[in-house]
PDB file of N, CA and C in Angstrom:
ATOM      1  N   MET A   1     -10.965 -15.710  -6.979  1.00  0.00           N
ATOM      2  CA  MET A   1      -9.739 -16.036  -6.280  1.00  0.00           C
ATOM      3  C   MET A   1     -10.010 -15.954  -4.770  1.00  0.00           C
ATOM      4  N   PRO A   2      -9.595 -16.969  -4.010  1.00  0.00           N
ATOM      5  CA  PRO A   2      -9.842 -16.936  -2.562  1.00  0.00           C
ATOM      6  C   PRO A   2      -9.042 -15.834  -1.884  1.00  0.00           C
ATOM      7  N   LYS A   3      -9.597 -15.313  -0.832  1.00  0.00           N
ATOM      8  CA  LYS A   3      -8.941 -14.238  -0.075  1.00  0.00           C
ATOM      9  C   LYS A   3      -8.310 -14.828   1.174  1.00  0.00           C
ATOM     10  N   ILE A   4      -7.192 -14.232   1.599  1.00  0.00           N
ATOM     11  CA  ILE A   4      -6.583 -14.600   2.871  1.00  0.00           C
ATOM     12  C   ILE A   4      -6.461 -13.344   3.714  1.00  0.00           C
ATOM     13  N   LYS A   5      -6.427 -13.526   4.996  1.00  0.00           N
ATOM     14  CA  LYS A   5      -6.324 -12.399   5.917  1.00  0.00           C
ATOM     15  C   LYS A   5      -4.966 -12.459   6.601  1.00  0.00           C
ATOM     16  N   PHE A   6      -4.267 -11.325   6.613  1.00  0.00           N
ATOM     17  CA  PHE A   6      -3.016 -11.243   7.349  1.00  0.00           C
ATOM     18  C   PHE A   6      -2.832  -9.808   7.822  1.00  0.00           C
ATOM     19  N   GLY A   7      -2.092  -9.632   8.879  1.00  0.00           N
ATOM     20  CA  GLY A   7      -1.907  -8.305   9.458  1.00  0.00           C
ATOM     21  C   GLY A   7      -0.622  -7.656   8.987  1.00  0.00           C
ATOM     22  N   VAL A   8      -0.648  -6.357   8.926  1.00  0.00           N
ATOM     23  CA  VAL A   8       0.551  -5.582   8.609  1.00  0.00           C
ATOM     24  C   VAL A   8       0.637  -4.416   9.580  1.00  0.00           C
ATOM     25  N   ILE A   9       1.843  -3.955   9.793  1.00  0.00           N
ATOM     26  CA  ILE A   9       2.064  -2.765  10.612  1.00  0.00           C
ATOM     27  C   ILE A   9       2.556  -1.679   9.671  1.00  0.00           C
ATOM     28  N   ILE A  10       1.894  -0.522   9.703  1.00  0.00           N
ATOM     29  CA  ILE A  10       2.300   0.586   8.842  1.00  0.00           C
ATOM     30  C   ILE A  10       2.519   1.837   9.681  1.00  0.00           C
ATOM     31  N   ASP A  11       3.254   2.756   9.119  1.00  0.00           N
ATOM     32  CA  ASP A  11       3.528   4.036   9.744  1.00  0.00           C
ATOM     33  C   ASP A  11       2.225   4.825   9.908  1.00  0.00           C
ATOM     34  N   GLU A  12       2.154   5.610  10.948  1.00  0.00           N
ATOM     35  CA  GLU A  12       0.954   6.415  11.228  1.00  0.00           C
ATOM     36  C   GLU A  12       0.602   7.331  10.051  1.00  0.00           C
ATOM     37  N   GLU A  13       1.614   7.900   9.409  1.00  0.00           N
ATOM     38  CA  GLU A  13       1.351   8.786   8.264  1.00  0.00           C
ATOM     39  C   GLU A  13       0.712   8.020   7.105  1.00  0.00           C
ATOM     40  N   LEU A  14       1.159   6.789   6.882  1.00  0.00           N
ATOM     41  CA  LEU A  14       0.544   5.970   5.835  1.00  0.00           C
ATOM     42  C   LEU A  14      -0.903   5.659   6.177  1.00  0.00           C
ATOM     43  N   ARG A  15      -1.157   5.381   7.447  1.00  0.00           N
ATOM     44  CA  ARG A  15      -2.529   5.109   7.877  1.00  0.00           C
ATOM     45  C   ARG A  15      -3.415   6.311   7.622  1.00  0.00           C
ATOM     46  N   LYS A  16      -2.897   7.505   7.899  1.00  0.00           N
ATOM     47  CA  LYS A  16      -3.674   8.726   7.658  1.00  0.00           C
ATOM     48  C   LYS A  16      -3.978   8.887   6.170  1.00  0.00           C
ATOM     49  N   GLU A  17      -2.985   8.640   5.325  1.00  0.00           N
ATOM     50  CA  GLU A  17      -3.192   8.741   3.876  1.00  0.00           C
ATOM     51  C   GLU A  17      -4.203   7.699   3.401  1.00  0.00           C
ATOM     52  N   LEU A  18      -4.088   6.510   3.934  1.00  0.00           N
ATOM     53  CA  LEU A  18      -5.020   5.440   3.584  1.00  0.00           C
ATOM     54  C   LEU A  18      -6.442   5.802   3.996  1.00  0.00           C
ATOM     55  N   ASP A  19      -6.596   6.299   5.209  1.00  0.00           N
ATOM     56  CA  ASP A  19      -7.922   6.707   5.681  1.00  0.00           C
ATOM     57  C   ASP A  19      -8.487   7.854   4.845  1.00  0.00           C
ATOM     58  N   LYS A  20      -7.610   8.737   4.392  1.00  0.00           N
ATOM     59  CA  LYS A  20      -8.046   9.855   3.545  1.00  0.00           C
ATOM     60  C   LYS A  20      -8.633   9.320   2.228  1.00  0.00           C
ATOM     61  N   ILE A  21      -7.961   8.335   1.650  1.00  0.00           N
ATOM     62  CA  ILE A  21      -8.463   7.733   0.411  1.00  0.00           C
ATOM     63  C   ILE A  21      -9.804   7.050   0.659  1.00  0.00           C
ATOM     64  N   VAL A  22      -9.908   6.334   1.772  1.00  0.00           N
ATOM     65  CA  VAL A  22     -11.166   5.657   2.114  1.00  0.00           C
ATOM     66  C   VAL A  22     -12.284   6.687   2.254  1.00  0.00           C
ATOM     67  N   GLU A  23     -12.011   7.782   2.951  1.00  0.00           N
ATOM     68  CA  GLU A  23     -13.022   8.832   3.140  1.00  0.00           C
ATOM     69  C   GLU A  23     -13.420   9.469   1.817  1.00  0.00           C
ATOM     70  N   GLU A  24     -12.439   9.717   0.945  1.00  0.00           N
ATOM     71  CA  GLU A  24     -12.720  10.341  -0.346  1.00  0.00           C
ATOM     72  C   GLU A  24     -13.470   9.394  -1.284  1.00  0.00           C
ATOM     73  N   SER A  25     -13.463   8.123  -0.967  1.00  0.00           N
ATOM     74  CA  SER A  25     -14.156   7.120  -1.780  1.00  0.00           C
ATOM     75  C   SER A  25     -15.398   6.605  -1.064  1.00  0.00           C
ATOM     76  N   GLU A  26     -15.959   7.451  -0.226  1.00  0.00           N
ATOM     77  CA  GLU A  26     -17.115   7.064   0.584  1.00  0.00           C
ATOM     78  C   GLU A  26     -18.252   6.504  -0.267  1.00  0.00           C
ATOM     79  N   ASP A  27     -18.422   7.059  -1.466  1.00  0.00           N
ATOM     80  CA  ASP A  27     -19.497   6.597  -2.340  1.00  0.00           C
ATOM     81  C   ASP A  27     -19.303   5.145  -2.786  1.00  0.00           C
ATOM     82  N   LEU A  28     -18.066   4.651  -2.712  1.00  0.00           N
ATOM     83  CA  LEU A  28     -17.782   3.264  -3.084  1.00  0.00           C
ATOM     84  C   LEU A  28     -17.912   2.313  -1.904  1.00  0.00           C
ATOM     85  N   ASP A  29     -18.049   2.867  -0.717  1.00  0.00           N
ATOM     86  CA  ASP A  29     -18.151   2.076   0.518  1.00  0.00           C
ATOM     87  C   ASP A  29     -16.968   1.113   0.644  1.00  0.00           C
ATOM     88  N   SER A  30     -15.759   1.629   0.348  1.00  0.00           N
ATOM     89  CA  SER A  30     -14.546   0.815   0.395  1.00  0.00           C
ATOM     90  C   SER A  30     -13.951   0.786   1.792  1.00  0.00           C
ATOM     91  N   SER A  31     -13.381  -0.343   2.139  1.00  0.00           N
ATOM     92  CA  SER A  31     -12.680  -0.483   3.413  1.00  0.00           C
ATOM     93  C   SER A  31     -11.189  -0.241   3.191  1.00  0.00           C
ATOM     94  N   ARG A  32     -10.451  -0.113   4.287  1.00  0.00           N
ATOM     95  CA  ARG A  32      -8.995  -0.004   4.180  1.00  0.00           C
ATOM     96  C   ARG A  32      -8.436  -1.206   3.422  1.00  0.00           C
ATOM     97  N   SER A  33      -8.918  -2.381   3.773  1.00  0.00           N
ATOM     98  CA  SER A  33      -8.421  -3.605   3.137  1.00  0.00           C
ATOM     99  C   SER A  33      -8.635  -3.579   1.629  1.00  0.00           C
ATOM    100  N   GLU A  34      -9.798  -3.127   1.220  1.00  0.00           N
ATOM    101  CA  GLU A  34     -10.099  -3.075  -0.214  1.00  0.00           C
ATOM    102  C   GLU A  34      -9.188  -2.082  -0.928  1.00  0.00           C
ATOM    103  N   VAL A  35      -8.925  -0.948  -0.303  1.00  0.00           N
ATOM    104  CA  VAL A  35      -8.037   0.047  -0.906  1.00  0.00           C
ATOM    105  C   VAL A  35      -6.616  -0.506  -1.004  1.00  0.00           C
ATOM    106  N   VAL A  36      -6.132  -1.139   0.063  1.00  0.00           N
ATOM    107  CA  VAL A  36      -4.785  -1.721   0.041  1.00  0.00           C
ATOM    108  C   VAL A  36      -4.699  -2.800  -1.036  1.00  0.00           C
ATOM    109  N   GLU A  37      -5.709  -3.652  -1.133  1.00  0.00           N
ATOM    110  CA  GLU A  37      -5.714  -4.693  -2.161  1.00  0.00           C
ATOM    111  C   GLU A  37      -5.682  -4.076  -3.562  1.00  0.00           C
ATOM    112  N   THR A  38      -6.409  -2.996  -3.761  1.00  0.00           N
ATOM    113  CA  THR A  38      -6.435  -2.321  -5.060  1.00  0.00           C
ATOM    114  C   THR A  38      -5.068  -1.741  -5.401  1.00  0.00           C
ATOM    115  N   ILE A  39      -4.419  -1.132  -4.415  1.00  0.00           N
ATOM    116  CA  ILE A  39      -3.076  -0.572  -4.625  1.00  0.00           C
ATOM    117  C   ILE A  39      -2.092  -1.689  -4.974  1.00  0.00           C
ATOM    118  N   LEU A  40      -2.145  -2.791  -4.227  1.00  0.00           N
ATOM    119  CA  LEU A  40      -1.251  -3.918  -4.506  1.00  0.00           C
ATOM    120  C   LEU A  40      -1.529  -4.522  -5.879  1.00  0.00           C
ATOM    121  N   THR A  41      -2.786  -4.641  -6.240  1.00  0.00           N
ATOM    122  CA  THR A  41      -3.146  -5.174  -7.555  1.00  0.00           C
ATOM    123  C   THR A  41      -2.571  -4.298  -8.661  1.00  0.00           C
ATOM    124  N   ALA A  42      -2.710  -2.988  -8.525  1.00  0.00           N
ATOM    125  CA  ALA A  42      -2.168  -2.070  -9.533  1.00  0.00           C
ATOM    126  C   ALA A  42      -0.650  -2.209  -9.625  1.00  0.00           C
ATOM    127  N   PHE A  43       0.007  -2.335  -8.479  1.00  0.00           N
ATOM    128  CA  PHE A  43       1.464  -2.486  -8.467  1.00  0.00           C
ATOM    129  C   PHE A  43       1.878  -3.757  -9.200  1.00  0.00           C
ATOM    130  N   PHE A  44       1.250  -4.879  -8.863  1.00  0.00           N
ATOM    131  CA  PHE A  44       1.654  -6.146  -9.459  1.00  0.00           C
ATOM    132  C   PHE A  44       1.231  -6.294 -10.915  1.00  0.00           C
ATOM    133  N   LYS A  45       0.270  -5.512 -11.368  1.00  0.00           N
ATOM    134  CA  LYS A  45      -0.118  -5.549 -12.779  1.00  0.00           C
ATOM    135  C   LYS A  45       0.715  -4.583 -13.619  1.00  0.00           C
ATOM    136  N   SER A  46       1.508  -3.732 -12.966  1.00  0.00           N
ATOM    137  CA  SER A  46       2.356  -2.801 -13.706  1.00  0.00           C
ATOM    138  C   SER A  46       3.503  -3.564 -14.361  1.00  0.00           C
ATOM    139  N   SER A  47       4.149  -2.920 -15.306  1.00  0.00           N
ATOM    140  CA  SER A  47       5.184  -3.604 -16.087  1.00  0.00           C
ATOM    141  C   SER A  47       6.587  -3.438 -15.511  1.00  0.00           C
ATOM    142  N   VAL A  48       6.710  -3.027 -14.264  1.00  0.00           N
ATOM    143  CA  VAL A  48       8.030  -2.875 -13.657  1.00  0.00           C
ATOM    144  C   VAL A  48       8.521  -4.214 -13.117  1.00  0.00           C
ATOM    145  N   ASP A  49       9.814  -4.301 -12.871  1.00  0.00           N
ATOM    146  CA  ASP A  49      10.388  -5.457 -12.180  1.00  0.00           C
ATOM    147  C   ASP A  49      10.043  -5.270 -10.706  1.00  0.00           C
ATOM    148  N   HIS A  50       9.075  -6.024 -10.224  1.00  0.00           N
ATOM    149  CA  HIS A  50       8.519  -5.807  -8.887  1.00  0.00           C
ATOM    150  C   HIS A  50       9.552  -5.967  -7.781  1.00  0.00           C
ATOM    151  N   ALA A  51      10.359  -7.009  -7.846  1.00  0.00           N
ATOM    152  CA  ALA A  51      11.375  -7.226  -6.811  1.00  0.00           C
ATOM    153  C   ALA A  51      12.388  -6.086  -6.811  1.00  0.00           C
ATOM    154  N   LYS A  52      12.796  -5.667  -7.993  1.00  0.00           N
ATOM    155  CA  LYS A  52      13.766  -4.573  -8.112  1.00  0.00           C
ATOM    156  C   LYS A  52      13.172  -3.278  -7.561  1.00  0.00           C
ATOM    157  N   LYS A  53      11.929  -2.999  -7.890  1.00  0.00           N
ATOM    158  CA  LYS A  53      11.274  -1.771  -7.429  1.00  0.00           C
ATOM    159  C   LYS A  53      11.125  -1.768  -5.910  1.00  0.00           C
ATOM    160  N   VAL A  54      10.737  -2.901  -5.335  1.00  0.00           N
ATOM    161  CA  VAL A  54      10.592  -2.982  -3.880  1.00  0.00           C
ATOM    162  C   VAL A  54      11.939  -2.764  -3.208  1.00  0.00           C
ATOM    163  N   ARG A  55      12.992  -3.395  -3.726  1.00  0.00           N
ATOM    164  CA  ARG A  55      14.332  -3.195  -3.155  1.00  0.00           C
ATOM    165  C   ARG A  55      14.713  -1.719  -3.191  1.00  0.00           C
ATOM    166  N   GLU A  56      14.467  -1.070  -4.325  1.00  0.00           N
ATOM    167  CA  GLU A  56      14.782   0.351  -4.487  1.00  0.00           C
ATOM    168  C   GLU A  56      14.031   1.193  -3.448  1.00  0.00           C
ATOM    169  N   LEU A  57      12.758   0.916  -3.265  1.00  0.00           N
ATOM    170  CA  LEU A  57      11.950   1.685  -2.322  1.00  0.00           C
ATOM    171  C   LEU A  57      12.358   1.437  -0.874  1.00  0.00           C
ATOM    172  N   VAL A  58      12.695   0.189  -0.542  1.00  0.00           N
ATOM    173  CA  VAL A  58      13.142  -0.123   0.821  1.00  0.00           C
ATOM    174  C   VAL A  58      14.452   0.589   1.119  1.00  0.00           C
ATOM    175  N   ILE A  59      15.373   0.574   0.166  1.00  0.00           N
ATOM    176  CA  ILE A  59      16.657   1.257   0.358  1.00  0.00           C
ATOM    177  C   ILE A  59      16.440   2.748   0.546  1.00  0.00           C
ATOM    178  N   LYS A  60      15.590   3.361  -0.273  1.00  0.00           N
ATOM    179  CA  LYS A  60      15.293   4.795  -0.121  1.00  0.00           C
ATOM    180  C   LYS A  60      14.688   5.085   1.243  1.00  0.00           C
ATOM    181  N   LYS A  61      13.767   4.243   1.688  1.00  0.00           N
ATOM    182  CA  LYS A  61      13.121   4.433   2.985  1.00  0.00           C
ATOM    183  C   LYS A  61      14.141   4.340   4.111  1.00  0.00           C
ATOM    184  N   GLU A  62      15.041   3.358   4.035  1.00  0.00           N
ATOM    185  CA  GLU A  62      16.064   3.196   5.067  1.00  0.00           C
ATOM    186  C   GLU A  62      16.989   4.399   5.119  1.00  0.00           C
ATOM    187  N   ARG A  63      17.332   4.941   3.971  1.00  0.00           N
ATOM    188  CA  ARG A  63      18.204   6.129   3.931  1.00  0.00           C
ATOM    189  C   ARG A  63      17.538   7.308   4.619  1.00  0.00           C
ATOM    190  N   VAL A  64      16.255   7.487   4.380  1.00  0.00           N
ATOM    191  CA  VAL A  64      15.514   8.584   5.007  1.00  0.00           C
ATOM    192  C   VAL A  64      15.436   8.367   6.513  1.00  0.00           C
ATOM    193  N   ASN A  65      15.176   7.141   6.938  1.00  0.00           N
ATOM    194  CA  ASN A  65      15.039   6.840   8.364  1.00  0.00           C
ATOM    195  C   ASN A  65      16.345   6.970   9.127  1.00  0.00           C
ATOM    196  N   TYR A  66      17.469   6.755   8.464  1.00  0.00           N
ATOM    197  CA  TYR A  66      18.757   6.805   9.154  1.00  0.00           C
ATOM    198  C   TYR A  66      19.505   8.103   8.914  1.00  0.00           C
ATOM    199  N   SER A  67      18.881   9.046   8.259  1.00  0.00           N
ATOM    200  CA  SER A  67      19.532  10.341   7.998  1.00  0.00           C
ATOM    201  C   SER A  67      19.374  11.278   9.161  1.00  0.00           C
TER     202      SER A  67
END
């Protein structure tokens, strides 16, 4: 499957967690991009309603940010 490149902006805490996973997987020589792609692949292969789950998570995030 062809790959495309696009940029995203994430919270500093997420970046730290992502870097932690990359460091802990040093033996795999994985990049941030590869880890993010793996996480997204796992999400989209799961049996949940993806649109519904994303809406739920966005709403929860907004509630936390505006509290």
